[in-house]
């Protein structure tokens, strides 16, 4: 639950979430890993300079993106 809340708050900020923190706190088997990759492929999220952030397209559907990661 703590990870989901941190993701929600982090993605609502322009800086996004540090990928190192995300990798340390998500287990390899966590379903959110697949959801993140799927949304990167859909151009809703991007990995940029060590951070996971919403893309311009992702900003328009931010609530849906975040809901999938809770």
PDB file of N, CA and C in Angstrom:
ATOM      1  N   UNK A   1       0.822  -1.189   0.000  1.00  0.00           N
ATOM      2  CA  UNK A   1       0.000   0.000   0.000  1.00  0.00           C
ATOM      3  C   UNK A   1       0.870   1.259   0.000  1.00  0.00           C
ATOM      4  N   UNK A   2       1.948   1.243   0.770  1.00  0.00           N
ATOM      5  CA  UNK A   2       2.857   2.387   0.858  1.00  0.00           C
ATOM      6  C   UNK A   2       3.461   2.691  -0.512  1.00  0.00           C
ATOM      7  N   UNK A   3       3.803   1.649  -1.243  1.00  0.00           N
ATOM      8  CA  UNK A   3       4.387   1.830  -2.572  1.00  0.00           C
ATOM      9  C   UNK A   3       3.358   2.467  -3.502  1.00  0.00           C
ATOM     10  N   UNK A   4       2.121   1.993  -3.468  1.00  0.00           N
ATOM     11  CA  UNK A   4       1.066   2.559  -4.301  1.00  0.00           C
ATOM     12  C   UNK A   4       0.841   4.031  -4.018  1.00  0.00           C
ATOM     13  N   UNK A   5       0.848   4.394  -2.751  1.00  0.00           N
ATOM     14  CA  UNK A   5       0.660   5.803  -2.384  1.00  0.00           C
ATOM     15  C   UNK A   5       1.828   6.657  -2.859  1.00  0.00           C
ATOM     16  N   UNK A   6       3.041   6.130  -2.736  1.00  0.00           N
ATOM     17  CA  UNK A   6       4.222   6.876  -3.197  1.00  0.00           C
ATOM     18  C   UNK A   6       4.193   7.054  -4.713  1.00  0.00           C
ATOM     19  N   UNK A   7       3.750   6.030  -5.430  1.00  0.00           N
ATOM     20  CA  UNK A   7       3.621   6.129  -6.893  1.00  0.00           C
ATOM     21  C   UNK A   7       2.589   7.195  -7.246  1.00  0.00           C
ATOM     22  N   UNK A   8       1.450   7.159  -6.570  1.00  0.00           N
ATOM     23  CA  UNK A   8       0.388   8.122  -6.839  1.00  0.00           C
ATOM     24  C   UNK A   8       0.890   9.550  -6.628  1.00  0.00           C
ATOM     25  N   UNK A   9       1.526   9.793  -5.502  1.00  0.00           N
ATOM     26  CA  UNK A   9       2.001  11.138  -5.210  1.00  0.00           C
ATOM     27  C   UNK A   9       3.139  11.545  -6.147  1.00  0.00           C
ATOM     28  N   UNK A  10       4.039  10.615  -6.424  1.00  0.00           N
ATOM     29  CA  UNK A  10       5.184  10.917  -7.279  1.00  0.00           C
ATOM     30  C   UNK A  10       4.784  11.250  -8.703  1.00  0.00           C
ATOM     31  N   UNK A  11       3.852  10.493  -9.270  1.00  0.00           N
ATOM     32  CA  UNK A  11       3.454  10.746 -10.653  1.00  0.00           C
ATOM     33  C   UNK A  11       2.647  12.036 -10.795  1.00  0.00           C
ATOM     34  N   UNK A  12       2.063  12.498  -9.717  1.00  0.00           N
ATOM     35  CA  UNK A  12       1.326  13.759  -9.777  1.00  0.00           C
ATOM     36  C   UNK A  12       2.269  14.960  -9.802  1.00  0.00           C
ATOM     37  N   UNK A  13       3.533  14.714  -9.480  1.00  0.00           N
ATOM     38  CA  UNK A  13       4.528  15.788  -9.527  1.00  0.00           C
ATOM     39  C   UNK A  13       5.275  15.715 -10.856  1.00  0.00           C
ATOM     40  N   UNK A  14       5.727  16.836 -11.313  1.00  0.00           N
ATOM     41  CA  UNK A  14       6.431  16.908 -12.592  1.00  0.00           C
ATOM     42  C   UNK A  14       7.690  16.042 -12.617  1.00  0.00           C
ATOM     43  N   UNK A  15       8.367  15.946 -11.473  1.00  0.00           N
ATOM     44  CA  UNK A  15       9.620  15.180 -11.405  1.00  0.00           C
ATOM     45  C   UNK A  15       9.400  13.678 -11.531  1.00  0.00           C
ATOM     46  N   UNK A  16       8.215  13.209 -11.182  1.00  0.00           N
ATOM     47  CA  UNK A  16       7.936  11.780 -11.256  1.00  0.00           C
ATOM     48  C   UNK A  16       8.568  11.026 -10.105  1.00  0.00           C
ATOM     49  N   UNK A  17       8.928   9.784 -10.358  1.00  0.00           N
ATOM     50  CA  UNK A  17       9.441   8.873  -9.334  1.00  0.00           C
ATOM     51  C   UNK A  17      10.846   8.425  -9.726  1.00  0.00           C
ATOM     52  N   UNK A  18      11.736   8.355  -8.759  1.00  0.00           N
ATOM     53  CA  UNK A  18      13.074   7.843  -9.030  1.00  0.00           C
ATOM     54  C   UNK A  18      12.988   6.357  -9.361  1.00  0.00           C
ATOM     55  N   UNK A  19      13.577   5.970 -10.477  1.00  0.00           N
ATOM     56  CA  UNK A  19      13.546   4.562 -10.885  1.00  0.00           C
ATOM     57  C   UNK A  19      14.282   3.673  -9.892  1.00  0.00           C
ATOM     58  N   UNK A  20      15.368   4.163  -9.303  1.00  0.00           N
ATOM     59  CA  UNK A  20      16.090   3.372  -8.306  1.00  0.00           C
ATOM     60  C   UNK A  20      15.180   3.044  -7.127  1.00  0.00           C
ATOM     61  N   UNK A  21      14.415   4.034  -6.655  1.00  0.00           N
ATOM     62  CA  UNK A  21      13.491   3.802  -5.545  1.00  0.00           C
ATOM     63  C   UNK A  21      12.432   2.788  -5.959  1.00  0.00           C
ATOM     64  N   UNK A  22      11.907   2.966  -7.163  1.00  0.00           N
ATOM     65  CA  UNK A  22      10.860   2.064  -7.648  1.00  0.00           C
ATOM     66  C   UNK A  22      11.384   0.632  -7.735  1.00  0.00           C
ATOM     67  N   UNK A  23      12.579   0.464  -8.278  1.00  0.00           N
ATOM     68  CA  UNK A  23      13.177  -0.871  -8.405  1.00  0.00           C
ATOM     69  C   UNK A  23      13.440  -1.510  -7.041  1.00  0.00           C
ATOM     70  N   UNK A  24      13.788  -0.709  -6.042  1.00  0.00           N
ATOM     71  CA  UNK A  24      14.040  -1.227  -4.703  1.00  0.00           C
ATOM     72  C   UNK A  24      12.752  -1.638  -3.997  1.00  0.00           C
ATOM     73  N   UNK A  25      11.641  -1.002  -4.360  1.00  0.00           N
ATOM     74  CA  UNK A  25      10.401  -1.206  -3.621  1.00  0.00           C
ATOM     75  C   UNK A  25       9.364  -2.077  -4.325  1.00  0.00           C
ATOM     76  N   UNK A  26       9.576  -2.397  -5.585  1.00  0.00           N
ATOM     77  CA  UNK A  26       8.664  -3.298  -6.296  1.00  0.00           C
ATOM     78  C   UNK A  26       9.347  -4.655  -6.479  1.00  0.00           C
ATOM     79  N   UNK A  27       8.681  -5.699  -6.071  1.00  0.00           N
ATOM     80  CA  UNK A  27       9.210  -7.040  -6.307  1.00  0.00           C
ATOM     81  C   UNK A  27       9.165  -7.345  -7.794  1.00  0.00           C
ATOM     82  N   UNK A  28      10.042  -8.218  -8.254  1.00  0.00           N
ATOM     83  CA  UNK A  28      10.057  -8.600  -9.668  1.00  0.00           C
ATOM     84  C   UNK A  28       8.724  -9.194 -10.109  1.00  0.00           C
ATOM     85  N   UNK A  29       8.021  -9.820  -9.186  1.00  0.00           N
ATOM     86  CA  UNK A  29       6.750 -10.468  -9.513  1.00  0.00           C
ATOM     87  C   UNK A  29       5.550  -9.524  -9.384  1.00  0.00           C
ATOM     88  N   UNK A  30       5.781  -8.287  -8.983  1.00  0.00           N
ATOM     89  CA  UNK A  30       4.683  -7.329  -8.809  1.00  0.00           C
ATOM     90  C   UNK A  30       4.050  -7.016 -10.164  1.00  0.00           C
ATOM     91  N   UNK A  31       2.741  -7.111 -10.228  1.00  0.00           N
ATOM     92  CA  UNK A  31       1.999  -6.859 -11.475  1.00  0.00           C
ATOM     93  C   UNK A  31       2.196  -5.443 -11.995  1.00  0.00           C
ATOM     94  N   UNK A  32       2.551  -4.538 -11.108  1.00  0.00           N
ATOM     95  CA  UNK A  32       2.751  -3.151 -11.534  1.00  0.00           C
ATOM     96  C   UNK A  32       3.909  -3.005 -12.506  1.00  0.00           C
ATOM     97  N   UNK A  33       4.890  -3.902 -12.448  1.00  0.00           N
ATOM     98  CA  UNK A  33       6.007  -3.844 -13.398  1.00  0.00           C
ATOM     99  C   UNK A  33       5.497  -4.009 -14.831  1.00  0.00           C
ATOM    100  N   UNK A  34       4.629  -4.977 -15.052  1.00  0.00           N
ATOM    101  CA  UNK A  34       4.067  -5.199 -16.386  1.00  0.00           C
ATOM    102  C   UNK A  34       3.183  -4.035 -16.799  1.00  0.00           C
ATOM    103  N   UNK A  35       2.421  -3.492 -15.852  1.00  0.00           N
ATOM    104  CA  UNK A  35       1.553  -2.353 -16.163  1.00  0.00           C
ATOM    105  C   UNK A  35       2.372  -1.128 -16.537  1.00  0.00           C
ATOM    106  N   UNK A  36       3.481  -0.913 -15.836  1.00  0.00           N
ATOM    107  CA  UNK A  36       4.360   0.217 -16.159  1.00  0.00           C
ATOM    108  C   UNK A  36       4.903   0.056 -17.568  1.00  0.00           C
ATOM    109  N   UNK A  37       5.412  -1.139 -17.903  1.00  0.00           N
ATOM    110  CA  UNK A  37       5.962  -1.353 -19.239  1.00  0.00           C
ATOM    111  C   UNK A  37       4.899  -1.168 -20.311  1.00  0.00           C
ATOM    112  N   UNK A  38       3.707  -1.660 -20.060  1.00  0.00           N
ATOM    113  CA  UNK A  38       2.616  -1.498 -21.019  1.00  0.00           C
ATOM    114  C   UNK A  38       2.299  -0.024 -21.245  1.00  0.00           C
ATOM    115  N   UNK A  39       2.292   0.756 -20.176  1.00  0.00           N
ATOM    116  CA  UNK A  39       1.986   2.180 -20.324  1.00  0.00           C
ATOM    117  C   UNK A  39       3.145   2.962 -20.929  1.00  0.00           C
ATOM    118  N   UNK A  40       4.372   2.480 -20.751  1.00  0.00           N
ATOM    119  CA  UNK A  40       5.514   3.071 -21.471  1.00  0.00           C
ATOM    120  C   UNK A  40       5.335   2.815 -22.962  1.00  0.00           C
ATOM    121  N   UNK A  41       4.965   1.588 -23.312  1.00  0.00           N
ATOM    122  CA  UNK A  41       4.742   1.233 -24.720  1.00  0.00           C
ATOM    123  C   UNK A  41       3.589   2.029 -25.333  1.00  0.00           C
ATOM    124  N   UNK A  42       2.609   2.410 -24.506  1.00  0.00           N
ATOM    125  CA  UNK A  42       1.451   3.178 -24.982  1.00  0.00           C
ATOM    126  C   UNK A  42       1.720   4.685 -24.966  1.00  0.00           C
ATOM    127  N   UNK A  43       2.950   5.096 -24.601  1.00  0.00           N
ATOM    128  CA  UNK A  43       3.348   6.503 -24.513  1.00  0.00           C
ATOM    129  C   UNK A  43       2.538   7.271 -23.462  1.00  0.00           C
ATOM    130  N   UNK A  44       2.265   6.602 -22.345  1.00  0.00           N
ATOM    131  CA  UNK A  44       1.605   7.264 -21.225  1.00  0.00           C
ATOM    132  C   UNK A  44       2.594   7.554 -20.102  1.00  0.00           C
ATOM    133  N   UNK A  45       3.624   6.708 -20.013  1.00  0.00           N
ATOM    134  CA  UNK A  45       4.713   6.891 -19.066  1.00  0.00           C
ATOM    135  C   UNK A  45       6.025   6.852 -19.827  1.00  0.00           C
ATOM    136  N   UNK A  46       7.049   7.479 -19.243  1.00  0.00           N
ATOM    137  CA  UNK A  46       8.382   7.421 -19.852  1.00  0.00           C
ATOM    138  C   UNK A  46       9.432   7.307 -18.758  1.00  0.00           C
ATOM    139  N   UNK A  47      10.503   6.624 -19.100  1.00  0.00           N
ATOM    140  CA  UNK A  47      11.684   6.574 -18.245  1.00  0.00           C
ATOM    141  C   UNK A  47      12.628   7.631 -18.791  1.00  0.00           C
ATOM    142  N   UNK A  48      12.949   8.607 -17.953  1.00  0.00           N
ATOM    143  CA  UNK A  48      13.735   9.744 -18.417  1.00  0.00           C
ATOM    144  C   UNK A  48      14.699  10.170 -17.309  1.00  0.00           C
ATOM    145  N   UNK A  49      15.992  10.100 -17.591  1.00  0.00           N
ATOM    146  CA  UNK A  49      17.031  10.545 -16.664  1.00  0.00           C
ATOM    147  C   UNK A  49      16.860   9.935 -15.276  1.00  0.00           C
ATOM    148  N   UNK A  50      16.618   8.625 -15.237  1.00  0.00           N
ATOM    149  CA  UNK A  50      16.522   7.921 -13.974  1.00  0.00           C
ATOM    150  C   UNK A  50      15.211   8.095 -13.234  1.00  0.00           C
ATOM    151  N   UNK A  51      14.198   8.576 -13.939  1.00  0.00           N
ATOM    152  CA  UNK A  51      12.904   8.817 -13.312  1.00  0.00           C
ATOM    153  C   UNK A  51      11.787   8.250 -14.181  1.00  0.00           C
ATOM    154  N   UNK A  52      10.677   7.901 -13.553  1.00  0.00           N
ATOM    155  CA  UNK A  52       9.472   7.483 -14.253  1.00  0.00           C
ATOM    156  C   UNK A  52       8.499   8.653 -14.181  1.00  0.00           C
ATOM    157  N   UNK A  53       8.043   9.102 -15.352  1.00  0.00           N
ATOM    158  CA  UNK A  53       7.187  10.284 -15.411  1.00  0.00           C
ATOM    159  C   UNK A  53       6.037  10.055 -16.374  1.00  0.00           C
ATOM    160  N   UNK A  54       4.974  10.813 -16.154  1.00  0.00           N
ATOM    161  CA  UNK A  54       3.887  10.831 -17.128  1.00  0.00           C
ATOM    162  C   UNK A  54       4.360  11.544 -18.383  1.00  0.00           C
ATOM    163  N   UNK A  55       3.960  11.050 -19.526  1.00  0.00           N
ATOM    164  CA  UNK A  55       4.229  11.753 -20.778  1.00  0.00           C
ATOM    165  C   UNK A  55       3.151  12.809 -20.971  1.00  0.00           C
ATOM    166  N   UNK A  56       3.267  13.569 -22.025  1.00  0.00           N
ATOM    167  CA  UNK A  56       2.234  14.559 -22.352  1.00  0.00           C
ATOM    168  C   UNK A  56       0.882  13.864 -22.528  1.00  0.00           C
ATOM    169  N   UNK A  57       0.881  12.724 -23.226  1.00  0.00           N
ATOM    170  CA  UNK A  57      -0.353  11.949 -23.389  1.00  0.00           C
ATOM    171  C   UNK A  57      -0.850  11.408 -22.049  1.00  0.00           C
ATOM    172  N   UNK A  58       0.071  10.993 -21.212  1.00  0.00           N
ATOM    173  CA  UNK A  58      -0.291  10.451 -19.917  1.00  0.00           C
ATOM    174  C   UNK A  58      -0.927  11.476 -18.991  1.00  0.00           C
ATOM    175  N   UNK A  59      -0.542  12.737 -19.166  1.00  0.00           N
ATOM    176  CA  UNK A  59      -1.132  13.787 -18.330  1.00  0.00           C
ATOM    177  C   UNK A  59      -2.640  13.880 -18.521  1.00  0.00           C
ATOM    178  N   UNK A  60      -3.109  13.616 -19.732  1.00  0.00           N
ATOM    179  CA  UNK A  60      -4.540  13.715 -20.019  1.00  0.00           C
ATOM    180  C   UNK A  60      -5.354  12.603 -19.356  1.00  0.00           C
ATOM    181  N   UNK A  61      -4.694  11.497 -19.067  1.00  0.00           N
ATOM    182  CA  UNK A  61      -5.381  10.353 -18.444  1.00  0.00           C
ATOM    183  C   UNK A  61      -4.671   9.938 -17.152  1.00  0.00           C
ATOM    184  N   UNK A  62      -4.101  10.911 -16.458  1.00  0.00           N
ATOM    185  CA  UNK A  62      -3.284  10.643 -15.276  1.00  0.00           C
ATOM    186  C   UNK A  62      -4.029   9.826 -14.231  1.00  0.00           C
ATOM    187  N   UNK A  63      -5.285  10.124 -13.998  1.00  0.00           N
ATOM    188  CA  UNK A  63      -6.026   9.379 -12.976  1.00  0.00           C
ATOM    189  C   UNK A  63      -6.129   7.899 -13.327  1.00  0.00           C
ATOM    190  N   UNK A  64      -6.329   7.585 -14.597  1.00  0.00           N
ATOM    191  CA  UNK A  64      -6.415   6.188 -15.028  1.00  0.00           C
ATOM    192  C   UNK A  64      -5.064   5.490 -14.910  1.00  0.00           C
ATOM    193  N   UNK A  65      -4.007   6.185 -15.288  1.00  0.00           N
ATOM    194  CA  UNK A  65      -2.657   5.628 -15.181  1.00  0.00           C
ATOM    195  C   UNK A  65      -2.348   5.305 -13.732  1.00  0.00           C
ATOM    196  N   UNK A  66      -2.584   6.261 -12.861  1.00  0.00           N
ATOM    197  CA  UNK A  66      -2.295   6.080 -11.440  1.00  0.00           C
ATOM    198  C   UNK A  66      -3.159   4.974 -10.847  1.00  0.00           C
ATOM    199  N   UNK A  67      -4.415   4.917 -11.227  1.00  0.00           N
ATOM    200  CA  UNK A  67      -5.313   3.879 -10.708  1.00  0.00           C
ATOM    201  C   UNK A  67      -4.795   2.483 -11.022  1.00  0.00           C
ATOM    202  N   UNK A  68      -4.192   2.300 -12.193  1.00  0.00           N
ATOM    203  CA  UNK A  68      -3.648   0.973 -12.560  1.00  0.00           C
ATOM    204  C   UNK A  68      -2.449   0.594 -11.695  1.00  0.00           C
ATOM    205  N   UNK A  69      -1.814   1.586 -11.101  1.00  0.00           N
ATOM    206  CA  UNK A  69      -0.590   1.323 -10.336  1.00  0.00           C
ATOM    207  C   UNK A  69      -0.827   1.293  -8.829  1.00  0.00           C
ATOM    208  N   UNK A  70      -2.038   1.470  -8.401  1.00  0.00           N
ATOM    209  CA  UNK A  70      -2.327   1.428  -6.948  1.00  0.00           C
ATOM    210  C   UNK A  70      -2.453   0.008  -6.457  1.00  0.00           C
TER     211      UNK A  70
END
